[in-house]
C-alpha atoms as a PDB file:
ATOM      1  CA  MET A   1      16.555 -82.128 -68.367  1.00  0.00           C
ATOM      2  CA  PRO A   2      20.229 -82.564 -67.550  1.00  0.00           C
ATOM      3  CA  GLY A   3      20.772 -82.441 -63.877  1.00  0.00           C
ATOM      4  CA  THR A   4      17.592 -84.287 -62.931  1.00  0.00           C
ATOM      5  CA  ALA A   5      18.099 -87.311 -59.769  1.00  0.00           C
ATOM      6  CA  PRO A   6      16.591 -90.352 -60.862  1.00  0.00           C
ATOM      7  CA  GLN A   7      13.261 -91.529 -59.588  1.00  0.00           C
ATOM      8  CA  GLN A   8      14.583 -94.392 -56.370  1.00  0.00           C
ATOM      9  CA  THR A   9      13.505 -97.032 -58.384  1.00  0.00           C
ATOM     10  CA  GLU A  10      16.444 -96.171 -60.933  1.00  0.00           C
ATOM     11  CA  LEU A  11      18.871 -95.863 -58.477  1.00  0.00           C
ATOM     12  CA  ASP A  12      18.803 -99.439 -57.529  1.00  0.00           C
ATOM     13  CA  GLY A  13      22.391-100.499 -57.483  1.00  0.00           C
ATOM     14  CA  VAL A  14      24.487 -97.495 -57.311  1.00  0.00           C
ATOM     15  CA  ASP A  15      23.363 -95.972 -53.990  1.00  0.00           C
ATOM     16  CA  GLY A  16      25.171 -98.296 -51.704  1.00  0.00           C
ATOM     17  CA  GLY A  17      27.328-101.456 -51.573  1.00  0.00           C
ATOM     18  CA  VAL A  18      29.821-102.203 -54.337  1.00  0.00           C
ATOM     19  CA  GLY A  19      27.404 -99.678 -57.009  1.00  0.00           C
ATOM     20  CA  LEU A  20      28.541 -97.294 -54.410  1.00  0.00           C
ATOM     21  CA  THR A  21      31.765 -97.007 -55.631  1.00  0.00           C
ATOM     22  CA  ALA A  22      31.369 -96.997 -59.140  1.00  0.00           C
ATOM     23  CA  LEU A  23      29.744 -93.094 -58.704  1.00  0.00           C
ATOM     24  CA  LEU A  24      33.654 -93.283 -56.442  1.00  0.00           C
ATOM     25  CA  VAL A  25      35.554 -94.172 -59.493  1.00  0.00           C
ATOM     26  CA  ALA A  26      32.919 -91.092 -61.232  1.00  0.00           C
ATOM     27  CA  ALA A  27      34.347 -88.967 -58.700  1.00  0.00           C
ATOM     28  CA  ALA A  28      37.686 -89.477 -59.455  1.00  0.00           C
ATOM     29  CA  ARG A  29      37.115 -89.215 -63.229  1.00  0.00           C
ATOM     30  CA  ALA A  30      35.490 -86.404 -63.111  1.00  0.00           C
ATOM     31  CA  ILE A  31      38.235 -84.529 -60.835  1.00  0.00           C
ATOM     32  CA  GLU A  32      41.009 -85.894 -63.457  1.00  0.00           C
ATOM     33  CA  THR A  33      39.244 -84.547 -65.997  1.00  0.00           C
ATOM     34  CA  HIS A  34      39.271 -81.239 -64.883  1.00  0.00           C
ATOM     35  CA  ARG A  35      43.279 -81.594 -63.851  1.00  0.00           C
ATOM     36  CA  HIS A  36      45.609 -79.266 -65.997  1.00  0.00           C
ATOM     37  CA  ASP A  37      47.528 -82.363 -66.788  1.00  0.00           C
ATOM     38  CA  SER A  38      44.630 -84.952 -67.507  1.00  0.00           C
ATOM     39  CA  LEU A  39      45.479 -88.323 -67.947  1.00  0.00           C
ATOM     40  CA  ALA A  40      42.180 -89.032 -69.298  1.00  0.00           C
ATOM     41  CA  GLN A  41      38.397 -87.220 -70.126  1.00  0.00           C
ATOM     42  CA  ASP A  42      35.172 -88.381 -68.894  1.00  0.00           C
ATOM     43  CA  VAL A  43      32.922 -84.903 -69.498  1.00  0.00           C
ATOM     44  CA  TYR A  44      30.241 -87.211 -68.634  1.00  0.00           C
ATOM     45  CA  ALA A  45      31.232 -88.392 -64.659  1.00  0.00           C
ATOM     46  CA  GLU A  46      30.700 -85.250 -62.803  1.00  0.00           C
ATOM     47  CA  HIS A  47      26.946 -85.628 -64.152  1.00  0.00           C
ATOM     48  CA  PHE A  48      26.516 -88.966 -62.688  1.00  0.00           C
ATOM     49  CA  VAL A  49      27.737 -87.591 -59.069  1.00  0.00           C
ATOM     50  CA  ARG A  50      25.120 -84.896 -59.122  1.00  0.00           C
ATOM     51  CA  ALA A  51      22.823 -87.061 -59.979  1.00  0.00           C
ATOM     52  CA  ALA A  52      22.868 -89.273 -57.254  1.00  0.00           C
ATOM     53  CA  PRO A  53      21.329 -88.381 -53.740  1.00  0.00           C
ATOM     54  CA  ALA A  54      24.252 -90.713 -52.122  1.00  0.00           C
ATOM     55  CA  CYS A  55      27.360 -87.987 -53.389  1.00  0.00           C
ATOM     56  CA  THR A  56      25.905 -84.647 -54.552  1.00  0.00           C
ATOM     57  CA  SER A  57      28.311 -82.979 -51.732  1.00  0.00           C
ATOM     58  CA  TRP A  58      31.233 -84.755 -53.478  1.00  0.00           C
ATOM     59  CA  PRO A  59      34.159 -82.676 -55.136  1.00  0.00           C
ATOM     60  CA  VAL A  60      34.525 -83.160 -58.975  1.00  0.00           C
ATOM     61  CA  ARG A  61      37.751 -80.616 -59.561  1.00  0.00           C
ATOM     62  CA  ILE A  62      40.784 -81.464 -57.436  1.00  0.00           C
ATOM     63  CA  GLU A  63      39.888 -77.079 -56.206  1.00  0.00           C
ATOM     64  CA  GLN A  64      37.022 -78.365 -54.946  1.00  0.00           C
ATOM     65  CA  VAL A  65      38.834 -80.560 -51.574  1.00  0.00           C
ATOM     66  CA  PRO A  66      40.579 -78.509 -49.204  1.00  0.00           C
ATOM     67  CA  ASP A  67      43.616 -80.419 -48.696  1.00  0.00           C
ATOM     68  CA  LYS A  68      43.744 -80.838 -52.767  1.00  0.00           C
ATOM     69  CA  ASP A  69      46.470 -83.728 -53.532  1.00  0.00           C
ATOM     70  CA  ASP A  70      47.315 -84.066 -49.931  1.00  0.00           C
ATOM     71  CA  ASN A  71      43.818 -85.500 -49.298  1.00  0.00           C
ATOM     72  CA  PRO A  72      44.046 -89.621 -49.514  1.00  0.00           C
ATOM     73  CA  LEU A  73      41.204 -90.002 -50.963  1.00  0.00           C
ATOM     74  CA  TRP A  74      40.699 -87.047 -53.856  1.00  0.00           C
ATOM     75  CA  GLY A  75      43.919 -86.592 -54.273  1.00  0.00           C
ATOM     76  CA  ARG A  76      46.038 -89.569 -54.500  1.00  0.00           C
ATOM     77  CA  PHE A  77      43.395 -92.461 -54.813  1.00  0.00           C
ATOM     78  CA  ALA A  78      41.341 -90.315 -57.359  1.00  0.00           C
ATOM     79  CA  ARG A  79      45.080 -90.158 -59.362  1.00  0.00           C
ATOM     80  CA  TYR A  80      45.245 -93.544 -58.918  1.00  0.00           C
ATOM     81  CA  PHE A  81      41.787 -94.243 -60.532  1.00  0.00           C
ATOM     82  CA  GLY A  82      42.442 -91.053 -63.075  1.00  0.00           C
ATOM     83  CA  LEU A  83      45.923 -93.537 -64.493  1.00  0.00           C
ATOM     84  CA  ARG A  84      43.615 -96.363 -64.472  1.00  0.00           C
ATOM     85  CA  THR A  85      41.253 -95.617 -66.838  1.00  0.00           C
ATOM     86  CA  ARG A  86      44.297 -93.604 -69.247  1.00  0.00           C
ATOM     87  CA  VAL A  87      46.124 -97.183 -69.271  1.00  0.00           C
ATOM     88  CA  LEU A  88      43.132 -99.140 -69.970  1.00  0.00           C
ATOM     89  CA  ASP A  89      41.592 -96.913 -72.574  1.00  0.00           C
ATOM     90  CA  ASP A  90      45.005 -97.386 -74.290  1.00  0.00           C
ATOM     91  CA  PHE A  91      44.821-100.967 -73.933  1.00  0.00           C
ATOM     92  CA  LEU A  92      41.187-101.065 -75.206  1.00  0.00           C
ATOM     93  CA  LEU A  93      42.366 -99.112 -78.533  1.00  0.00           C
ATOM     94  CA  GLN A  94      45.593-101.116 -78.978  1.00  0.00           C
ATOM     95  CA  ALA A  95      43.970-104.057 -78.956  1.00  0.00           C
ATOM     96  CA  VAL A  96      40.208-102.838 -81.769  1.00  0.00           C
ATOM     97  CA  GLY A  97      43.616-101.855 -83.585  1.00  0.00           C
ATOM     98  CA  ALA A  98      44.358-105.155 -83.660  1.00  0.00           C
ATOM     99  CA  SER A  99      41.677-107.290 -84.304  1.00  0.00           C
ATOM    100  CA  ALA A 100      39.309-107.137 -82.145  1.00  0.00           C
ATOM    101  CA  ARG A 101      35.861-105.861 -83.060  1.00  0.00           C
ATOM    102  CA  GLN A 102      34.040-106.685 -80.194  1.00  0.00           C
ATOM    103  CA  VAL A 103      34.571-105.245 -76.798  1.00  0.00           C
ATOM    104  CA  VAL A 104      32.953-106.849 -73.250  1.00  0.00           C
ATOM    105  CA  LEU A 105      33.009-104.383 -70.327  1.00  0.00           C
ATOM    106  CA  LEU A 106      32.331-106.844 -67.673  1.00  0.00           C
ATOM    107  CA  GLY A 107      30.674-104.895 -64.344  1.00  0.00           C
ATOM    108  CA  ALA A 108      30.462-102.135 -66.330  1.00  0.00           C
ATOM    109  CA  GLY A 109      29.598 -99.381 -64.109  1.00  0.00           C
ATOM    110  CA  LEU A 110      29.387 -96.075 -64.943  1.00  0.00           C
ATOM    111  CA  ASP A 111      31.668 -96.624 -67.557  1.00  0.00           C
ATOM    112  CA  THR A 112      31.616 -94.134 -70.835  1.00  0.00           C
ATOM    113  CA  ARG A 113      33.861 -95.784 -73.319  1.00  0.00           C
ATOM    114  CA  ALA A 114      31.435 -95.995 -75.315  1.00  0.00           C
ATOM    115  CA  PHE A 115      30.327 -92.252 -75.593  1.00  0.00           C
ATOM    116  CA  ARG A 116      33.805 -91.023 -75.404  1.00  0.00           C
ATOM    117  CA  LEU A 117      36.911 -92.946 -77.451  1.00  0.00           C
ATOM    118  CA  ASP A 118      37.530 -93.062 -80.785  1.00  0.00           C
ATOM    119  CA  TRP A 119      36.081 -96.110 -82.309  1.00  0.00           C
ATOM    120  CA  PRO A 120      36.191 -98.031 -85.733  1.00  0.00           C
ATOM    121  CA  ALA A 121      32.686 -97.606 -87.261  1.00  0.00           C
ATOM    122  CA  ASP A 122      31.998-101.457 -87.547  1.00  0.00           C
ATOM    123  CA  LEU A 123      32.867-102.186 -83.689  1.00  0.00           C
ATOM    124  CA  VAL A 124      29.880-103.191 -80.815  1.00  0.00           C
ATOM    125  CA  VAL A 125      30.364-102.308 -77.290  1.00  0.00           C
ATOM    126  CA  PHE A 126      28.747-104.822 -74.967  1.00  0.00           C
ATOM    127  CA  GLU A 127      28.235-103.420 -71.176  1.00  0.00           C
ATOM    128  CA  ILE A 128      27.456-105.781 -68.304  1.00  0.00           C
ATOM    129  CA  ASP A 129      25.891-105.207 -65.488  1.00  0.00           C
ATOM    130  CA  ARG A 130      22.912-105.188 -63.208  1.00  0.00           C
ATOM    131  CA  ALA A 131      19.551-103.259 -64.373  1.00  0.00           C
ATOM    132  CA  GLY A 132      19.464-100.867 -61.982  1.00  0.00           C
ATOM    133  CA  VAL A 133      22.986 -99.460 -62.831  1.00  0.00           C
ATOM    134  CA  LEU A 134      22.659 -99.649 -66.515  1.00  0.00           C
ATOM    135  CA  ALA A 135      19.088 -97.853 -66.138  1.00  0.00           C
ATOM    136  CA  PHE A 136      20.573 -95.012 -64.076  1.00  0.00           C
ATOM    137  CA  LYS A 137      23.478 -94.215 -66.163  1.00  0.00           C
ATOM    138  CA  GLN A 138      20.969 -94.248 -69.227  1.00  0.00           C
ATOM    139  CA  GLN A 139      18.824 -92.176 -67.805  1.00  0.00           C
ATOM    140  CA  VAL A 140      22.039 -89.532 -66.925  1.00  0.00           C
ATOM    141  CA  LEU A 141      22.992 -89.996 -70.713  1.00  0.00           C
ATOM    142  CA  THR A 142      19.696 -89.144 -71.937  1.00  0.00           C
ATOM    143  CA  GLY A 143      19.317 -85.936 -70.076  1.00  0.00           C
ATOM    144  CA  LEU A 144      22.520 -85.147 -71.532  1.00  0.00           C
ATOM    145  CA  SER A 145      21.678 -85.674 -74.879  1.00  0.00           C
ATOM    146  CA  ALA A 146      24.874 -88.200 -75.187  1.00  0.00           C
ATOM    147  CA  ALA A 147      24.936 -90.338 -78.070  1.00  0.00           C
ATOM    148  CA  PRO A 148      27.669 -93.475 -78.070  1.00  0.00           C
ATOM    149  CA  ARG A 149      30.226 -93.274 -81.417  1.00  0.00           C
ATOM    150  CA  VAL A 150      30.088 -96.952 -81.496  1.00  0.00           C
ATOM    151  CA  LYS A 151      26.729 -99.385 -81.625  1.00  0.00           C
ATOM    152  CA  ARG A 152      26.195 -99.968 -77.633  1.00  0.00           C
ATOM    153  CA  VAL A 153      24.499-102.720 -76.496  1.00  0.00           C
ATOM    154  CA  PRO A 154      23.305-102.770 -72.454  1.00  0.00           C
ATOM    155  CA  VAL A 155      23.188-106.133 -71.138  1.00  0.00           C
ATOM    156  CA  PRO A 156      21.295-105.785 -67.780  1.00  0.00           C
ATOM    157  CA  VAL A 157      22.210-108.952 -66.139  1.00  0.00           C
ATOM    158  CA  ASP A 158      24.007-109.671 -63.132  1.00  0.00           C
ATOM    159  CA  LEU A 159      27.307-111.791 -63.456  1.00  0.00           C
ATOM    160  CA  ARG A 160      25.922-113.946 -60.973  1.00  0.00           C
ATOM    161  CA  ALA A 161      23.526-115.142 -63.391  1.00  0.00           C
ATOM    162  CA  ASP A 162      23.727-116.581 -66.805  1.00  0.00           C
ATOM    163  CA  TRP A 163      24.890-113.821 -68.371  1.00  0.00           C
ATOM    164  CA  VAL A 164      26.609-115.738 -71.333  1.00  0.00           C
ATOM    165  CA  THR A 165      23.203-116.485 -72.537  1.00  0.00           C
ATOM    166  CA  ALA A 166      22.084-112.713 -71.946  1.00  0.00           C
ATOM    167  CA  LEU A 167      25.889-111.650 -73.714  1.00  0.00           C
ATOM    168  CA  THR A 168      25.571-114.012 -76.740  1.00  0.00           C
ATOM    169  CA  THR A 169      21.457-113.733 -77.065  1.00  0.00           C
ATOM    170  CA  VAL A 170      22.156-109.753 -77.963  1.00  0.00           C
ATOM    171  CA  GLY A 171      24.575-110.516 -80.485  1.00  0.00           C
ATOM    172  CA  PHE A 172      27.802-110.983 -79.924  1.00  0.00           C
ATOM    173  CA  ASP A 173      29.621-113.766 -81.816  1.00  0.00           C
ATOM    174  CA  PRO A 174      32.520-116.033 -80.177  1.00  0.00           C
ATOM    175  CA  ALA A 175      33.857-116.303 -83.453  1.00  0.00           C
ATOM    176  CA  VAL A 176      35.022-112.632 -84.178  1.00  0.00           C
ATOM    177  CA  PRO A 177      37.793-111.516 -82.193  1.00  0.00           C
ATOM    178  CA  SER A 178      37.191-109.650 -78.811  1.00  0.00           C
ATOM    179  CA  VAL A 179      38.581-107.554 -76.244  1.00  0.00           C
ATOM    180  CA  TRP A 180      37.466-107.855 -72.295  1.00  0.00           C
ATOM    181  CA  LEU A 181      37.970-105.542 -69.535  1.00  0.00           C
ATOM    182  CA  ALA A 182      36.982-106.382 -65.654  1.00  0.00           C
ATOM    183  CA  GLU A 183      38.028-103.307 -64.649  1.00  0.00           C
ATOM    184  CA  GLY A 184      38.084-102.872 -60.727  1.00  0.00           C
ATOM    185  CA  LEU A 185      35.928-105.686 -60.748  1.00  0.00           C
ATOM    186  CA  LEU A 186      37.123-109.411 -59.280  1.00  0.00           C
ATOM    187  CA  PHE A 187      38.232-108.601 -56.130  1.00  0.00           C
ATOM    188  CA  TYR A 188      34.535-108.139 -54.788  1.00  0.00           C
ATOM    189  CA  LEU A 189      34.051-111.877 -56.154  1.00  0.00           C
ATOM    190  CA  PRO A 190      34.803-114.851 -54.565  1.00  0.00           C
ATOM    191  CA  GLY A 191      37.926-117.444 -56.016  1.00  0.00           C
ATOM    192  CA  PRO A 192      35.593-119.796 -57.400  1.00  0.00           C
ATOM    193  CA  ALA A 193      33.587-117.285 -59.108  1.00  0.00           C
ATOM    194  CA  GLU A 194      36.323-114.971 -60.610  1.00  0.00           C
ATOM    195  CA  THR A 195      37.746-118.504 -61.918  1.00  0.00           C
ATOM    196  CA  TYR A 196      34.796-119.256 -63.387  1.00  0.00           C
ATOM    197  CA  LEU A 197      34.618-115.516 -65.292  1.00  0.00           C
ATOM    198  CA  ILE A 198      38.332-116.435 -66.769  1.00  0.00           C
ATOM    199  CA  ASP A 199      37.366-119.787 -67.605  1.00  0.00           C
ATOM    200  CA  THR A 200      34.399-118.279 -69.862  1.00  0.00           C
ATOM    201  CA  VAL A 201      36.362-115.381 -71.424  1.00  0.00           C
ATOM    202  CA  ASP A 202      38.763-118.162 -72.650  1.00  0.00           C
ATOM    203  CA  ARG A 203      35.928-120.149 -73.953  1.00  0.00           C
ATOM    204  CA  LEU A 204      33.986-117.523 -75.511  1.00  0.00           C
ATOM    205  CA  THR A 205      37.094-115.983 -77.471  1.00  0.00           C
ATOM    206  CA  THR A 206      38.947-116.899 -80.037  1.00  0.00           C
ATOM    207  CA  ALA A 207      42.287-115.984 -81.400  1.00  0.00           C
ATOM    208  CA  GLY A 208      43.116-112.842 -81.701  1.00  0.00           C
ATOM    209  CA  SER A 209      41.280-111.258 -78.269  1.00  0.00           C
ATOM    210  CA  SER A 210      42.732-109.535 -75.397  1.00  0.00           C
ATOM    211  CA  LEU A 211      41.693-109.412 -72.119  1.00  0.00           C
ATOM    212  CA  ALA A 212      42.518-106.747 -69.126  1.00  0.00           C
ATOM    213  CA  PHE A 213      41.749-106.990 -65.285  1.00  0.00           C
ATOM    214  CA  GLU A 214      43.115-105.911 -62.062  1.00  0.00           C
ATOM    215  CA  ALA A 215      43.908-108.350 -59.348  1.00  0.00           C
ATOM    216  CA  LYS A 216      45.220-107.722 -55.443  1.00  0.00           C
ATOM    217  CA  LEU A 217      48.116-109.999 -53.877  1.00  0.00           C
ATOM    218  CA  GLU A 218      47.585-108.790 -50.848  1.00  0.00           C
ATOM    219  CA  LYS A 219      47.735-112.511 -48.536  1.00  0.00           C
ATOM    220  CA  ASN A 220      45.871-110.415 -45.661  1.00  0.00           C
ATOM    221  CA  LEU A 221      44.079-107.390 -46.966  1.00  0.00           C
ATOM    222  CA  LEU A 222      43.289-106.641 -43.038  1.00  0.00           C
ATOM    223  CA  ALA A 223      46.975-105.486 -42.795  1.00  0.00           C
ATOM    224  CA  TYR A 224      45.780-102.477 -44.299  1.00  0.00           C
ATOM    225  CA  ARG A 225      42.821-101.431 -43.075  1.00  0.00           C
ATOM    226  CA  ASP A 226      45.075 -98.414 -41.370  1.00  0.00           C
ATOM    227  CA  SER A 227      46.458 -97.316 -44.882  1.00  0.00           C
ATOM    228  CA  THR A 228      45.693 -93.905 -45.550  1.00  0.00           C
ATOM    229  CA  ILE A 229      43.384 -94.366 -48.631  1.00  0.00           C
ATOM    230  CA  TYR A 230      40.942 -96.897 -47.021  1.00  0.00           C
ATOM    231  CA  THR A 231      40.763 -94.987 -43.728  1.00  0.00           C
ATOM    232  CA  ALA A 232      40.167 -92.037 -45.840  1.00  0.00           C
ATOM    233  CA  THR A 233      37.492 -93.583 -47.806  1.00  0.00           C
ATOM    234  CA  ARG A 234      35.543 -94.456 -44.652  1.00  0.00           C
ATOM    235  CA  GLU A 235      35.833 -91.762 -42.781  1.00  0.00           C
ATOM    236  CA  GLN A 236      34.786 -89.308 -45.521  1.00  0.00           C
ATOM    237  CA  ILE A 237      32.350 -90.844 -47.826  1.00  0.00           C
ATOM    238  CA  GLY A 238      31.537 -94.039 -45.268  1.00  0.00           C
ATOM    239  CA  ILE A 239      32.627 -96.513 -47.735  1.00  0.00           C
ATOM    240  CA  ASP A 240      34.432 -99.835 -46.478  1.00  0.00           C
ATOM    241  CA  LEU A 241      36.549-100.860 -49.111  1.00  0.00           C
ATOM    242  CA  LEU A 242      37.667-103.491 -47.109  1.00  0.00           C
ATOM    243  CA  ARG A 243      34.180-105.033 -45.929  1.00  0.00           C
ATOM    244  CA  LEU A 244      32.938-105.162 -49.899  1.00  0.00           C
ATOM    245  CA  PHE A 245      36.430-107.102 -50.850  1.00  0.00           C
ATOM    246  CA  ASP A 246      36.519-110.439 -50.971  1.00  0.00           C
ATOM    247  CA  ALA A 247      38.129-112.060 -47.619  1.00  0.00           C
ATOM    248  CA  GLY A 248      38.858-115.063 -48.970  1.00  0.00           C
ATOM    249  CA  PRO A 249      42.515-116.803 -51.563  1.00  0.00           C
ATOM    250  CA  ARG A 250      42.462-114.907 -54.245  1.00  0.00           C
ATOM    251  CA  PRO A 251      43.224-117.557 -57.629  1.00  0.00           C
ATOM    252  CA  ASP A 252      46.035-116.712 -59.549  1.00  0.00           C
ATOM    253  CA  SER A 253      44.181-115.857 -63.113  1.00  0.00           C
ATOM    254  CA  ALA A 254      47.406-114.641 -65.084  1.00  0.00           C
ATOM    255  CA  GLY A 255      49.044-118.242 -64.335  1.00  0.00           C
ATOM    256  CA  HIS A 256      45.445-119.768 -65.190  1.00  0.00           C
ATOM    257  CA  LEU A 257      45.242-117.972 -68.521  1.00  0.00           C
ATOM    258  CA  ARG A 258      48.889-119.100 -69.572  1.00  0.00           C
ATOM    259  CA  ALA A 259      48.059-122.582 -68.741  1.00  0.00           C
ATOM    260  CA  LYS A 260      45.720-122.610 -71.300  1.00  0.00           C
ATOM    261  CA  GLY A 261      48.013-120.696 -73.931  1.00  0.00           C
ATOM    262  CA  TRP A 262      47.159-116.571 -73.175  1.00  0.00           C
ATOM    263  CA  CYS A 263      50.526-114.591 -73.215  1.00  0.00           C
ATOM    264  CA  THR A 264      50.199-112.605 -69.980  1.00  0.00           C
ATOM    265  CA  SER A 265      51.763-109.257 -68.688  1.00  0.00           C
ATOM    266  CA  MET A 266      51.471-108.264 -64.719  1.00  0.00           C
ATOM    267  CA  HIS A 267      52.122-104.454 -63.843  1.00  0.00           C
ATOM    268  CA  THR A 268      52.226-102.144 -60.710  1.00  0.00           C
ATOM    269  CA  PRO A 269      50.094 -99.680 -61.287  1.00  0.00           C
ATOM    270  CA  PHE A 270      53.266 -97.893 -60.371  1.00  0.00           C
ATOM    271  CA  ASP A 271      54.784 -98.903 -63.361  1.00  0.00           C
ATOM    272  CA  PHE A 272      52.627 -96.539 -65.205  1.00  0.00           C
ATOM    273  CA  THR A 273      53.322 -93.585 -62.886  1.00  0.00           C
ATOM    274  CA  HIS A 274      56.960 -93.775 -64.443  1.00  0.00           C
ATOM    275  CA  GLN A 275      55.357 -93.760 -67.657  1.00  0.00           C
ATOM    276  CA  HIS A 276      53.141 -91.016 -67.829  1.00  0.00           C
ATOM    277  CA  GLY A 277      55.267 -88.794 -65.558  1.00  0.00           C
ATOM    278  CA  ARG A 278      52.142 -88.309 -62.850  1.00  0.00           C
ATOM    279  CA  GLY A 279      49.951 -91.104 -60.469  1.00  0.00           C
ATOM    280  CA  PRO A 280      50.625 -92.751 -57.316  1.00  0.00           C
ATOM    281  CA  VAL A 281      53.793 -93.492 -56.189  1.00  0.00           C
ATOM    282  CA  PRO A 282      54.669 -96.017 -53.169  1.00  0.00           C
ATOM    283  CA  GLU A 283      54.494 -95.264 -49.347  1.00  0.00           C
ATOM    284  CA  PRO A 284      54.608 -97.003 -46.224  1.00  0.00           C
ATOM    285  CA  ASN A 285      51.649 -98.972 -45.681  1.00  0.00           C
ATOM    286  CA  ASP A 286      50.332 -98.842 -48.955  1.00  0.00           C
ATOM    287  CA  ALA A 287      47.146-100.367 -50.156  1.00  0.00           C
ATOM    288  CA  LEU A 288      48.042-100.155 -53.535  1.00  0.00           C
ATOM    289  CA  GLU A 289      51.134-102.099 -53.346  1.00  0.00           C
ATOM    290  CA  GLY A 290      49.450-105.480 -53.778  1.00  0.00           C
ATOM    291  CA  ASN A 291      47.173-103.851 -57.197  1.00  0.00           C
ATOM    292  CA  ARG A 292      48.113-105.622 -60.138  1.00  0.00           C
ATOM    293  CA  TRP A 293      47.399-104.878 -63.756  1.00  0.00           C
ATOM    294  CA  VAL A 294      46.978-107.908 -65.962  1.00  0.00           C
ATOM    295  CA  PHE A 295      46.574-107.605 -70.002  1.00  0.00           C
ATOM    296  CA  ALA A 296      46.281-110.949 -71.898  1.00  0.00           C
ATOM    297  CA  HIS A 297      46.284-111.842 -75.676  1.00  0.00           C
ATOM    298  CA  LYS A 298      45.018-114.898 -76.713  1.00  0.00           C
ATOM    299  CA  PRO A 299      47.852-115.477 -79.748  1.00  0.00           C
ATOM    300  CA  ARG A 300      46.878-116.741 -83.554  1.00  0.00           C
ATOM    301  CA  PRO A 301      47.869-119.965 -84.479  1.00  0.00           C
END
């Protein structure tokens, strides 16, 4: 039945830690969906929020927030996630329009792009994440009788395990152009793990493939501990993002890809706020000022 809460065993992976951030992003997408000037539509997002006991009291519409857009979490931060969703939607659709016939979502979380975007009929979307996360998502979507618009292949494996074998075993073909997405993932990983992931994507992709990921450039994340976004997230919903982010030095993954022959571009989120006319703008002690969205393409010979 729609809205039925999953059993506790199926909540493993979304009821705490990094998994809980997937629900935070889902709540942000739900708020964005209901805005009159929405940048991205995800009709499934609010159902994830309502199905998980940890966040049943969270808002799914900006009207449910007493201070509305003045709220640094459900206003500014949620609008950031809405903007990011739109920008990455556009990137994926452009890559598929050019040549890619496989989409790989690394740390897919509660991503519903296989259900909500208009894809070519011959596309395959691979969703890699822990089994508990994918099971929770599937139960909610099944309860809604949701059907993917293309072939969707969940790959239940932890990215710390042998996800390459898991991916290729279920049909991913390195010889076919692909587009990869690491949305809100890399800064939770130690630097060497990020470099391994980037190297692996390079190894598994052919010419005409693409990759998008989010990076953070701050040398000292703790300098932003008192920023309004991190403070509001801790105080309002009990998620301490800075304790979840890896505190070690970050690799220059964009430069690493360029050295391997990829073409890359790096943007601030504020670049896209300007482009779309809505989204976060810079503020003092801004936890978003070090965020970068990186887009990479593996050129043809």
